[in-house]
Amino acid sequence: KVLHLPKQVRNVIKCKNPRCITSIEQ
């Protein structure tokens, strides 16, 4: 299998912006 950078990642990186909706909505 040849790997590529994925176009989208889900629940791998956490947003560091404290005002981001993902920081508020668990």
mmCIF file of all heavy atoms, coordinates in Angstrom:
data_MODEL
# 
_entry.id   MODEL 
# 
loop_
_atom_site.group_PDB 
_atom_site.id 
_atom_site.type_symbol 
_atom_site.label_atom_id 
_atom_site.label_alt_id 
_atom_site.label_comp_id 
_atom_site.label_asym_id 
_atom_site.label_entity_id 
_atom_site.label_seq_id 
_atom_site.pdbx_PDB_ins_code 
_atom_site.Cartn_x 
_atom_site.Cartn_y 
_atom_site.Cartn_z 
_atom_site.occupancy 
_atom_site.B_iso_or_equiv 
_atom_site.pdbx_formal_charge 
_atom_site.auth_seq_id 
_atom_site.auth_comp_id 
_atom_site.auth_asym_id 
_atom_site.auth_atom_id 
_atom_site.pdbx_PDB_model_num 
ATOM 1   N N   . LYS A 1 1  ? 0.846   -1.195 0.000  1.00 0.00 ? 1  LYS A N   1 
ATOM 2   C CA  . LYS A 1 1  ? 0.000   0.000  0.000  1.00 0.00 ? 1  LYS A CA  1 
ATOM 3   C C   . LYS A 1 1  ? 0.878   1.239  0.000  1.00 0.00 ? 1  LYS A C   1 
ATOM 4   O O   . LYS A 1 1  ? 1.844   1.326  0.747  1.00 0.00 ? 1  LYS A O   1 
ATOM 5   C CB  . LYS A 1 1  ? -0.900  0.039  1.247  1.00 0.00 ? 1  LYS A CB  1 
ATOM 6   C CG  . LYS A 1 1  ? -1.896  -1.087 1.329  1.00 0.00 ? 1  LYS A CG  1 
ATOM 7   C CD  . LYS A 1 1  ? -3.071  -0.786 0.469  1.00 0.00 ? 1  LYS A CD  1 
ATOM 8   C CE  . LYS A 1 1  ? -4.128  -1.864 0.680  1.00 0.00 ? 1  LYS A CE  1 
ATOM 9   N NZ  . LYS A 1 1  ? -5.189  -1.785 -0.273 1.00 0.00 ? 1  LYS A NZ  1 
ATOM 10  N N   . VAL A 1 2  ? 0.516   2.179  -0.840 1.00 0.00 ? 2  VAL A N   1 
ATOM 11  C CA  . VAL A 1 2  ? 1.204   3.465  -0.880 1.00 0.00 ? 2  VAL A CA  1 
ATOM 12  C C   . VAL A 1 2  ? 0.385   4.432  -0.039 1.00 0.00 ? 2  VAL A C   1 
ATOM 13  O O   . VAL A 1 2  ? -0.829  4.551  -0.211 1.00 0.00 ? 2  VAL A O   1 
ATOM 14  C CB  . VAL A 1 2  ? 1.316   3.985  -2.331 1.00 0.00 ? 2  VAL A CB  1 
ATOM 15  C CG1 . VAL A 1 2  ? 1.948   5.360  -2.368 1.00 0.00 ? 2  VAL A CG1 1 
ATOM 16  C CG2 . VAL A 1 2  ? 2.093   2.998  -3.179 1.00 0.00 ? 2  VAL A CG2 1 
ATOM 17  N N   . LEU A 1 3  ? 1.041   5.096  0.890  1.00 0.00 ? 3  LEU A N   1 
ATOM 18  C CA  . LEU A 1 3  ? 0.356   6.040  1.761  1.00 0.00 ? 3  LEU A CA  1 
ATOM 19  C C   . LEU A 1 3  ? 0.411   7.446  1.179  1.00 0.00 ? 3  LEU A C   1 
ATOM 20  O O   . LEU A 1 3  ? 1.364   7.807  0.493  1.00 0.00 ? 3  LEU A O   1 
ATOM 21  C CB  . LEU A 1 3  ? 1.005   6.034  3.145  1.00 0.00 ? 3  LEU A CB  1 
ATOM 22  C CG  . LEU A 1 3  ? 0.968   4.706  3.891  1.00 0.00 ? 3  LEU A CG  1 
ATOM 23  C CD1 . LEU A 1 3  ? 1.710   4.827  5.208  1.00 0.00 ? 3  LEU A CD1 1 
ATOM 24  C CD2 . LEU A 1 3  ? -0.459  4.252  4.127  1.00 0.00 ? 3  LEU A CD2 1 
ATOM 25  N N   . HIS A 1 4  ? -0.605  8.217  1.469  1.00 0.00 ? 4  HIS A N   1 
ATOM 26  C CA  . HIS A 1 4  ? -0.683  9.613  1.061  1.00 0.00 ? 4  HIS A CA  1 
ATOM 27  C C   . HIS A 1 4  ? -1.109  10.432 2.269  1.00 0.00 ? 4  HIS A C   1 
ATOM 28  O O   . HIS A 1 4  ? -1.701  9.905  3.205  1.00 0.00 ? 4  HIS A O   1 
ATOM 29  C CB  . HIS A 1 4  ? -1.719  9.800  -0.057 1.00 0.00 ? 4  HIS A CB  1 
ATOM 30  C CG  . HIS A 1 4  ? -1.460  8.962  -1.259 1.00 0.00 ? 4  HIS A CG  1 
ATOM 31  N ND1 . HIS A 1 4  ? -0.508  9.283  -2.192 1.00 0.00 ? 4  HIS A ND1 1 
ATOM 32  C CD2 . HIS A 1 4  ? -2.017  7.804  -1.674 1.00 0.00 ? 4  HIS A CD2 1 
ATOM 33  C CE1 . HIS A 1 4  ? -0.502  8.364  -3.144 1.00 0.00 ? 4  HIS A CE1 1 
ATOM 34  N NE2 . HIS A 1 4  ? -1.398  7.444  -2.841 1.00 0.00 ? 4  HIS A NE2 1 
ATOM 35  N N   . LEU A 1 5  ? -0.813  11.708 2.221  1.00 0.00 ? 5  LEU A N   1 
ATOM 36  C CA  . LEU A 1 5  ? -1.357  12.585 3.251  1.00 0.00 ? 5  LEU A CA  1 
ATOM 37  C C   . LEU A 1 5  ? -2.872  12.585 3.085  1.00 0.00 ? 5  LEU A C   1 
ATOM 38  O O   . LEU A 1 5  ? -3.376  12.824 1.986  1.00 0.00 ? 5  LEU A O   1 
ATOM 39  C CB  . LEU A 1 5  ? -0.844  14.019 3.066  1.00 0.00 ? 5  LEU A CB  1 
ATOM 40  C CG  . LEU A 1 5  ? 0.535   14.327 3.593  1.00 0.00 ? 5  LEU A CG  1 
ATOM 41  C CD1 . LEU A 1 5  ? 0.965   15.716 3.150  1.00 0.00 ? 5  LEU A CD1 1 
ATOM 42  C CD2 . LEU A 1 5  ? 0.584   14.221 5.089  1.00 0.00 ? 5  LEU A CD2 1 
ATOM 43  N N   . PRO A 1 6  ? -3.621  12.298 4.139  1.00 0.00 ? 6  PRO A N   1 
ATOM 44  C CA  . PRO A 1 6  ? -5.074  12.302 4.002  1.00 0.00 ? 6  PRO A CA  1 
ATOM 45  C C   . PRO A 1 6  ? -5.601  13.722 3.813  1.00 0.00 ? 6  PRO A C   1 
ATOM 46  O O   . PRO A 1 6  ? -5.037  14.677 4.348  1.00 0.00 ? 6  PRO A O   1 
ATOM 47  C CB  . PRO A 1 6  ? -5.560  11.699 5.319  1.00 0.00 ? 6  PRO A CB  1 
ATOM 48  C CG  . PRO A 1 6  ? -4.452  11.910 6.275  1.00 0.00 ? 6  PRO A CG  1 
ATOM 49  C CD  . PRO A 1 6  ? -3.192  11.929 5.473  1.00 0.00 ? 6  PRO A CD  1 
ATOM 50  N N   . LYS A 1 7  ? -6.651  13.862 3.045  1.00 0.00 ? 7  LYS A N   1 
ATOM 51  C CA  . LYS A 1 7  ? -7.265  15.174 2.803  1.00 0.00 ? 7  LYS A CA  1 
ATOM 52  C C   . LYS A 1 7  ? -7.918  15.702 4.074  1.00 0.00 ? 7  LYS A C   1 
ATOM 53  O O   . LYS A 1 7  ? -8.069  16.905 4.250  1.00 0.00 ? 7  LYS A O   1 
ATOM 54  C CB  . LYS A 1 7  ? -8.309  15.097 1.680  1.00 0.00 ? 7  LYS A CB  1 
ATOM 55  C CG  . LYS A 1 7  ? -7.736  14.647 0.360  1.00 0.00 ? 7  LYS A CG  1 
ATOM 56  C CD  . LYS A 1 7  ? -6.801  15.671 -0.210 1.00 0.00 ? 7  LYS A CD  1 
ATOM 57  C CE  . LYS A 1 7  ? -6.269  15.219 -1.558 1.00 0.00 ? 7  LYS A CE  1 
ATOM 58  N NZ  . LYS A 1 7  ? -5.020  15.811 -1.911 1.00 0.00 ? 7  LYS A NZ  1 
ATOM 59  N N   . GLN A 1 8  ? -8.317  14.775 4.945  1.00 0.00 ? 8  GLN A N   1 
ATOM 60  C CA  . GLN A 1 8  ? -8.994  15.154 6.183  1.00 0.00 ? 8  GLN A CA  1 
ATOM 61  C C   . GLN A 1 8  ? -8.639  14.154 7.273  1.00 0.00 ? 8  GLN A C   1 
ATOM 62  O O   . GLN A 1 8  ? -8.525  12.969 6.995  1.00 0.00 ? 8  GLN A O   1 
ATOM 63  C CB  . GLN A 1 8  ? -10.503 15.154 5.935  1.00 0.00 ? 8  GLN A CB  1 
ATOM 64  C CG  . GLN A 1 8  ? -11.359 15.405 7.132  1.00 0.00 ? 8  GLN A CG  1 
ATOM 65  C CD  . GLN A 1 8  ? -12.826 15.447 6.763  1.00 0.00 ? 8  GLN A CD  1 
ATOM 66  O OE1 . GLN A 1 8  ? -13.242 16.302 6.011  1.00 0.00 ? 8  GLN A OE1 1 
ATOM 67  N NE2 . GLN A 1 8  ? -13.600 14.511 7.269  1.00 0.00 ? 8  GLN A NE2 1 
ATOM 68  N N   . VAL A 1 9  ? -8.440  14.629 8.486  1.00 0.00 ? 9  VAL A N   1 
ATOM 69  C CA  . VAL A 1 9  ? -8.222  13.742 9.623  1.00 0.00 ? 9  VAL A CA  1 
ATOM 70  C C   . VAL A 1 9  ? -9.264  14.058 10.690 1.00 0.00 ? 9  VAL A C   1 
ATOM 71  O O   . VAL A 1 9  ? -9.582  15.221 10.936 1.00 0.00 ? 9  VAL A O   1 
ATOM 72  C CB  . VAL A 1 9  ? -6.788  13.838 10.205 1.00 0.00 ? 9  VAL A CB  1 
ATOM 73  C CG1 . VAL A 1 9  ? -5.784  13.227 9.263  1.00 0.00 ? 9  VAL A CG1 1 
ATOM 74  C CG2 . VAL A 1 9  ? -6.398  15.241 10.543 1.00 0.00 ? 9  VAL A CG2 1 
ATOM 75  N N   . ARG A 1 10 ? -9.786  13.000 11.284 1.00 0.00 ? 10 ARG A N   1 
ATOM 76  C CA  . ARG A 1 10 ? -10.843 13.138 12.271 1.00 0.00 ? 10 ARG A CA  1 
ATOM 77  C C   . ARG A 1 10 ? -10.364 12.575 13.609 1.00 0.00 ? 10 ARG A C   1 
ATOM 78  O O   . ARG A 1 10 ? -9.940  11.426 13.683 1.00 0.00 ? 10 ARG A O   1 
ATOM 79  C CB  . ARG A 1 10 ? -12.079 12.378 11.783 1.00 0.00 ? 10 ARG A CB  1 
ATOM 80  C CG  . ARG A 1 10 ? -13.296 12.464 12.643 1.00 0.00 ? 10 ARG A CG  1 
ATOM 81  C CD  . ARG A 1 10 ? -14.435 11.665 12.033 1.00 0.00 ? 10 ARG A CD  1 
ATOM 82  N NE  . ARG A 1 10 ? -14.782 12.158 10.709 1.00 0.00 ? 10 ARG A NE  1 
ATOM 83  C CZ  . ARG A 1 10 ? -15.775 13.021 10.472 1.00 0.00 ? 10 ARG A CZ  1 
ATOM 84  N NH1 . ARG A 1 10 ? -16.506 13.472 11.442 1.00 0.00 ? 10 ARG A NH1 1 
ATOM 85  N NH2 . ARG A 1 10 ? -16.012 13.404 9.244  1.00 0.00 ? 10 ARG A NH2 1 
ATOM 86  N N   . ASN A 1 11 ? -10.417 13.412 14.634 1.00 0.00 ? 11 ASN A N   1 
ATOM 87  C CA  . ASN A 1 11 ? -10.055 13.026 16.005 1.00 0.00 ? 11 ASN A CA  1 
ATOM 88  C C   . ASN A 1 11 ? -8.613  12.540 16.144 1.00 0.00 ? 11 ASN A C   1 
ATOM 89  O O   . ASN A 1 11 ? -8.325  11.659 16.934 1.00 0.00 ? 11 ASN A O   1 
ATOM 90  C CB  . ASN A 1 11 ? -11.034 11.977 16.543 1.00 0.00 ? 11 ASN A CB  1 
ATOM 91  C CG  . ASN A 1 11 ? -12.441 12.516 16.614 1.00 0.00 ? 11 ASN A CG  1 
ATOM 92  O OD1 . ASN A 1 11 ? -12.654 13.687 16.890 1.00 0.00 ? 11 ASN A OD1 1 
ATOM 93  N ND2 . ASN A 1 11 ? -13.412 11.670 16.328 1.00 0.00 ? 11 ASN A ND2 1 
ATOM 94  N N   . VAL A 1 12 ? -7.719  13.140 15.356 1.00 0.00 ? 12 VAL A N   1 
ATOM 95  C CA  . VAL A 1 12 ? -6.294  12.845 15.447 1.00 0.00 ? 12 VAL A CA  1 
ATOM 96  C C   . VAL A 1 12 ? -5.573  14.063 16.026 1.00 0.00 ? 12 VAL A C   1 
ATOM 97  O O   . VAL A 1 12 ? -4.711  13.937 16.867 1.00 0.00 ? 12 VAL A O   1 
ATOM 98  C CB  . VAL A 1 12 ? -5.710  12.480 14.068 1.00 0.00 ? 12 VAL A CB  1 
ATOM 99  C CG1 . VAL A 1 12 ? -4.209  12.271 14.137 1.00 0.00 ? 12 VAL A CG1 1 
ATOM 100 C CG2 . VAL A 1 12 ? -6.390  11.241 13.516 1.00 0.00 ? 12 VAL A CG2 1 
ATOM 101 N N   . ILE A 1 13 ? -5.959  15.250 15.556 1.00 0.00 ? 13 ILE A N   1 
ATOM 102 C CA  . ILE A 1 13 ? -5.389  16.509 16.023 1.00 0.00 ? 13 ILE A CA  1 
ATOM 103 C C   . ILE A 1 13 ? -6.446  17.187 16.896 1.00 0.00 ? 13 ILE A C   1 
ATOM 104 O O   . ILE A 1 13 ? -7.628  17.151 16.572 1.00 0.00 ? 13 ILE A O   1 
ATOM 105 C CB  . ILE A 1 13 ? -5.069  17.444 14.833 1.00 0.00 ? 13 ILE A CB  1 
ATOM 106 C CG1 . ILE A 1 13 ? -4.252  16.733 13.767 1.00 0.00 ? 13 ILE A CG1 1 
ATOM 107 C CG2 . ILE A 1 13 ? -4.384  18.704 15.313 1.00 0.00 ? 13 ILE A CG2 1 
ATOM 108 C CD1 . ILE A 1 13 ? -4.167  17.498 12.456 1.00 0.00 ? 13 ILE A CD1 1 
ATOM 109 N N   . LYS A 1 14 ? -6.007  17.814 17.970 1.00 0.00 ? 14 LYS A N   1 
ATOM 110 C CA  . LYS A 1 14 ? -6.928  18.598 18.796 1.00 0.00 ? 14 LYS A CA  1 
ATOM 111 C C   . LYS A 1 14 ? -6.710  20.072 18.504 1.00 0.00 ? 14 LYS A C   1 
ATOM 112 O O   . LYS A 1 14 ? -5.581  20.535 18.452 1.00 0.00 ? 14 LYS A O   1 
ATOM 113 C CB  . LYS A 1 14 ? -6.686  18.335 20.279 1.00 0.00 ? 14 LYS A CB  1 
ATOM 114 C CG  . LYS A 1 14 ? -7.123  16.960 20.707 1.00 0.00 ? 14 LYS A CG  1 
ATOM 115 C CD  . LYS A 1 14 ? -7.146  16.873 22.214 1.00 0.00 ? 14 LYS A CD  1 
ATOM 116 C CE  . LYS A 1 14 ? -7.581  15.495 22.607 1.00 0.00 ? 14 LYS A CE  1 
ATOM 117 N NZ  . LYS A 1 14 ? -8.859  15.441 23.186 1.00 0.00 ? 14 LYS A NZ  1 
ATOM 118 N N   . CYS A 1 15 ? -7.807  20.798 18.319 1.00 0.00 ? 15 CYS A N   1 
ATOM 119 C CA  . CYS A 1 15 ? -7.730  22.228 18.053 1.00 0.00 ? 15 CYS A CA  1 
ATOM 120 C C   . CYS A 1 15 ? -7.270  22.943 19.317 1.00 0.00 ? 15 CYS A C   1 
ATOM 121 O O   . CYS A 1 15 ? -7.789  22.702 20.405 1.00 0.00 ? 15 CYS A O   1 
ATOM 122 C CB  . CYS A 1 15 ? -9.083  22.765 17.592 1.00 0.00 ? 15 CYS A CB  1 
ATOM 123 S SG  . CYS A 1 15 ? -8.980  24.478 17.044 1.00 0.00 ? 15 CYS A SG  1 
ATOM 124 N N   . LYS A 1 16 ? -6.295  23.828 19.151 1.00 0.00 ? 16 LYS A N   1 
ATOM 125 C CA  . LYS A 1 16 ? -5.738  24.561 20.295 1.00 0.00 ? 16 LYS A CA  1 
ATOM 126 C C   . LYS A 1 16 ? -6.445  25.892 20.532 1.00 0.00 ? 16 LYS A C   1 
ATOM 127 O O   . LYS A 1 16 ? -6.160  26.571 21.505 1.00 0.00 ? 16 LYS A O   1 
ATOM 128 C CB  . LYS A 1 16 ? -4.244  24.794 20.075 1.00 0.00 ? 16 LYS A CB  1 
ATOM 129 C CG  . LYS A 1 16 ? -3.465  23.500 20.102 1.00 0.00 ? 16 LYS A CG  1 
ATOM 130 C CD  . LYS A 1 16 ? -1.997  23.731 19.918 1.00 0.00 ? 16 LYS A CD  1 
ATOM 131 C CE  . LYS A 1 16 ? -1.278  22.398 19.954 1.00 0.00 ? 16 LYS A CE  1 
ATOM 132 N NZ  . LYS A 1 16 ? 0.134   22.520 19.702 1.00 0.00 ? 16 LYS A NZ  1 
ATOM 133 N N   . ASN A 1 17 ? -7.357  26.259 19.650 1.00 0.00 ? 17 ASN A N   1 
ATOM 134 C CA  . ASN A 1 17 ? -8.087  27.512 19.806 1.00 0.00 ? 17 ASN A CA  1 
ATOM 135 C C   . ASN A 1 17 ? -9.126  27.342 20.924 1.00 0.00 ? 17 ASN A C   1 
ATOM 136 O O   . ASN A 1 17 ? -10.066 26.563 20.788 1.00 0.00 ? 17 ASN A O   1 
ATOM 137 C CB  . ASN A 1 17 ? -8.779  27.871 18.492 1.00 0.00 ? 17 ASN A CB  1 
ATOM 138 C CG  . ASN A 1 17 ? -9.563  29.152 18.554 1.00 0.00 ? 17 ASN A CG  1 
ATOM 139 O OD1 . ASN A 1 17 ? -9.698  29.767 19.609 1.00 0.00 ? 17 ASN A OD1 1 
ATOM 140 N ND2 . ASN A 1 17 ? -10.096 29.562 17.412 1.00 0.00 ? 17 ASN A ND2 1 
ATOM 141 N N   . PRO A 1 18 ? -8.992  28.083 22.039 1.00 0.00 ? 18 PRO A N   1 
ATOM 142 C CA  . PRO A 1 18 ? -9.935  27.918 23.145 1.00 0.00 ? 18 PRO A CA  1 
ATOM 143 C C   . PRO A 1 18 ? -11.353 28.372 22.811 1.00 0.00 ? 18 PRO A C   1 
ATOM 144 O O   . PRO A 1 18 ? -12.302 27.975 23.488 1.00 0.00 ? 18 PRO A O   1 
ATOM 145 C CB  . PRO A 1 18 ? -9.328  28.777 24.263 1.00 0.00 ? 18 PRO A CB  1 
ATOM 146 C CG  . PRO A 1 18 ? -8.414  29.732 23.586 1.00 0.00 ? 18 PRO A CG  1 
ATOM 147 C CD  . PRO A 1 18 ? -7.964  29.065 22.310 1.00 0.00 ? 18 PRO A CD  1 
ATOM 148 N N   . ARG A 1 19 ? -11.511 29.165 21.748 1.00 0.00 ? 19 ARG A N   1 
ATOM 149 C CA  . ARG A 1 19 ? -12.849 29.626 21.357 1.00 0.00 ? 19 ARG A CA  1 
ATOM 150 C C   . ARG A 1 19 ? -13.476 28.733 20.287 1.00 0.00 ? 19 ARG A C   1 
ATOM 151 O O   . ARG A 1 19 ? -14.605 28.969 19.871 1.00 0.00 ? 19 ARG A O   1 
ATOM 152 C CB  . ARG A 1 19 ? -12.773 31.061 20.865 1.00 0.00 ? 19 ARG A CB  1 
ATOM 153 C CG  . ARG A 1 19 ? -12.362 31.990 21.992 1.00 0.00 ? 19 ARG A CG  1 
ATOM 154 C CD  . ARG A 1 19 ? -12.414 33.438 21.637 1.00 0.00 ? 19 ARG A CD  1 
ATOM 155 N NE  . ARG A 1 19 ? -12.470 33.737 20.228 1.00 0.00 ? 19 ARG A NE  1 
ATOM 156 C CZ  . ARG A 1 19 ? -12.081 34.869 19.697 1.00 0.00 ? 19 ARG A CZ  1 
ATOM 157 N NH1 . ARG A 1 19 ? -11.595 35.795 20.449 1.00 0.00 ? 19 ARG A NH1 1 
ATOM 158 N NH2 . ARG A 1 19 ? -12.162 35.070 18.408 1.00 0.00 ? 19 ARG A NH2 1 
ATOM 159 N N   . CYS A 1 20 ? -12.772 27.707 19.836 1.00 0.00 ? 20 CYS A N   1 
ATOM 160 C CA  . CYS A 1 20 ? -13.307 26.791 18.820 1.00 0.00 ? 20 CYS A CA  1 
ATOM 161 C C   . CYS A 1 20 ? -14.474 26.007 19.404 1.00 0.00 ? 20 CYS A C   1 
ATOM 162 O O   . CYS A 1 20 ? -14.469 25.636 20.582 1.00 0.00 ? 20 CYS A O   1 
ATOM 163 C CB  . CYS A 1 20 ? -12.219 25.828 18.343 1.00 0.00 ? 20 CYS A CB  1 
ATOM 164 S SG  . CYS A 1 20 ? -12.794 24.669 17.079 1.00 0.00 ? 20 CYS A SG  1 
ATOM 165 N N   . ILE A 1 21 ? -15.477 25.744 18.587 1.00 0.00 ? 21 ILE A N   1 
ATOM 166 C CA  . ILE A 1 21 ? -16.660 24.993 19.027 1.00 0.00 ? 21 ILE A CA  1 
ATOM 167 C C   . ILE A 1 21 ? -16.286 23.604 19.550 1.00 0.00 ? 21 ILE A C   1 
ATOM 168 O O   . ILE A 1 21 ? -16.929 23.079 20.453 1.00 0.00 ? 21 ILE A O   1 
ATOM 169 C CB  . ILE A 1 21 ? -17.712 24.901 17.888 1.00 0.00 ? 21 ILE A CB  1 
ATOM 170 C CG1 . ILE A 1 21 ? -19.017 24.273 18.372 1.00 0.00 ? 21 ILE A CG1 1 
ATOM 171 C CG2 . ILE A 1 21 ? -17.192 24.091 16.711 1.00 0.00 ? 21 ILE A CG2 1 
ATOM 172 C CD1 . ILE A 1 21 ? -19.925 25.216 19.049 1.00 0.00 ? 21 ILE A CD1 1 
ATOM 173 N N   . THR A 1 22 ? -15.188 23.027 19.020 1.00 0.00 ? 22 THR A N   1 
ATOM 174 C CA  . THR A 1 22 ? -14.786 21.696 19.473 1.00 0.00 ? 22 THR A CA  1 
ATOM 175 C C   . THR A 1 22 ? -14.226 21.724 20.887 1.00 0.00 ? 22 THR A C   1 
ATOM 176 O O   . THR A 1 22 ? -14.171 20.696 21.547 1.00 0.00 ? 22 THR A O   1 
ATOM 177 C CB  . THR A 1 22 ? -13.738 21.074 18.526 1.00 0.00 ? 22 THR A CB  1 
ATOM 178 O OG1 . THR A 1 22 ? -12.588 21.910 18.480 1.00 0.00 ? 22 THR A OG1 1 
ATOM 179 C CG2 . THR A 1 22 ? -14.305 20.889 17.127 1.00 0.00 ? 22 THR A CG2 1 
ATOM 180 N N   . SER A 1 23 ? -13.806 22.894 21.361 1.00 0.00 ? 23 SER A N   1 
ATOM 181 C CA  . SER A 1 23 ? -13.333 23.020 22.743 1.00 0.00 ? 23 SER A CA  1 
ATOM 182 C C   . SER A 1 23 ? -14.497 23.102 23.717 1.00 0.00 ? 23 SER A C   1 
ATOM 183 O O   . SER A 1 23 ? -14.368 22.769 24.890 1.00 0.00 ? 23 SER A O   1 
ATOM 184 C CB  . SER A 1 23 ? -12.473 24.286 22.900 1.00 0.00 ? 23 SER A CB  1 
ATOM 185 O OG  . SER A 1 23 ? -11.357 24.222 22.075 1.00 0.00 ? 23 SER A OG  1 
ATOM 186 N N   . ILE A 1 24 ? -15.649 23.548 23.223 1.00 0.00 ? 24 ILE A N   1 
ATOM 187 C CA  . ILE A 1 24 ? -16.832 23.732 24.066 1.00 0.00 ? 24 ILE A CA  1 
ATOM 188 C C   . ILE A 1 24 ? -17.738 22.509 24.013 1.00 0.00 ? 24 ILE A C   1 
ATOM 189 O O   . ILE A 1 24 ? -18.181 22.001 25.034 1.00 0.00 ? 24 ILE A O   1 
ATOM 190 C CB  . ILE A 1 24 ? -17.610 24.990 23.614 1.00 0.00 ? 24 ILE A CB  1 
ATOM 191 C CG1 . ILE A 1 24 ? -16.691 26.213 23.719 1.00 0.00 ? 24 ILE A CG1 1 
ATOM 192 C CG2 . ILE A 1 24 ? -18.878 25.168 24.421 1.00 0.00 ? 24 ILE A CG2 1 
ATOM 193 C CD1 . ILE A 1 24 ? -17.184 27.413 22.943 1.00 0.00 ? 24 ILE A CD1 1 
ATOM 194 N N   . GLU A 1 25 ? -18.023 22.021 22.807 1.00 0.00 ? 25 GLU A N   1 
ATOM 195 C CA  . GLU A 1 25 ? -18.907 20.868 22.607 1.00 0.00 ? 25 GLU A CA  1 
ATOM 196 C C   . GLU A 1 25 ? -18.107 19.580 22.719 1.00 0.00 ? 25 GLU A C   1 
ATOM 197 O O   . GLU A 1 25 ? -17.331 19.261 21.827 1.00 0.00 ? 25 GLU A O   1 
ATOM 198 C CB  . GLU A 1 25 ? -19.585 20.940 21.237 1.00 0.00 ? 25 GLU A CB  1 
ATOM 199 C CG  . GLU A 1 25 ? -20.524 22.096 21.066 1.00 0.00 ? 25 GLU A CG  1 
ATOM 200 C CD  . GLU A 1 25 ? -21.771 21.970 21.917 1.00 0.00 ? 25 GLU A CD  1 
ATOM 201 O OE1 . GLU A 1 25 ? -22.218 20.832 22.188 1.00 0.00 ? 25 GLU A OE1 1 
ATOM 202 O OE2 . GLU A 1 25 ? -22.301 23.017 22.335 1.00 0.00 ? 25 GLU A OE2 1 
ATOM 203 N N   . GLN A 1 26 ? -18.288 18.845 23.784 1.00 0.00 ? 26 GLN A N   1 
ATOM 204 C CA  . GLN A 1 26 ? -17.489 17.645 24.055 1.00 0.00 ? 26 GLN A CA  1 
ATOM 205 C C   . GLN A 1 26 ? -17.682 16.532 23.032 1.00 0.00 ? 26 GLN A C   1 
ATOM 206 O O   . GLN A 1 26 ? -16.756 15.821 22.715 1.00 0.00 ? 26 GLN A O   1 
ATOM 207 C CB  . GLN A 1 26 ? -17.791 17.117 25.464 1.00 0.00 ? 26 GLN A CB  1 
ATOM 208 C CG  . GLN A 1 26 ? -17.448 18.093 26.563 1.00 0.00 ? 26 GLN A CG  1 
ATOM 209 C CD  . GLN A 1 26 ? -15.988 18.482 26.574 1.00 0.00 ? 26 GLN A CD  1 
ATOM 210 O OE1 . GLN A 1 26 ? -15.119 17.668 26.320 1.00 0.00 ? 26 GLN A OE1 1 
ATOM 211 N NE2 . GLN A 1 26 ? -15.696 19.750 26.843 1.00 0.00 ? 26 GLN A NE2 1 
# 
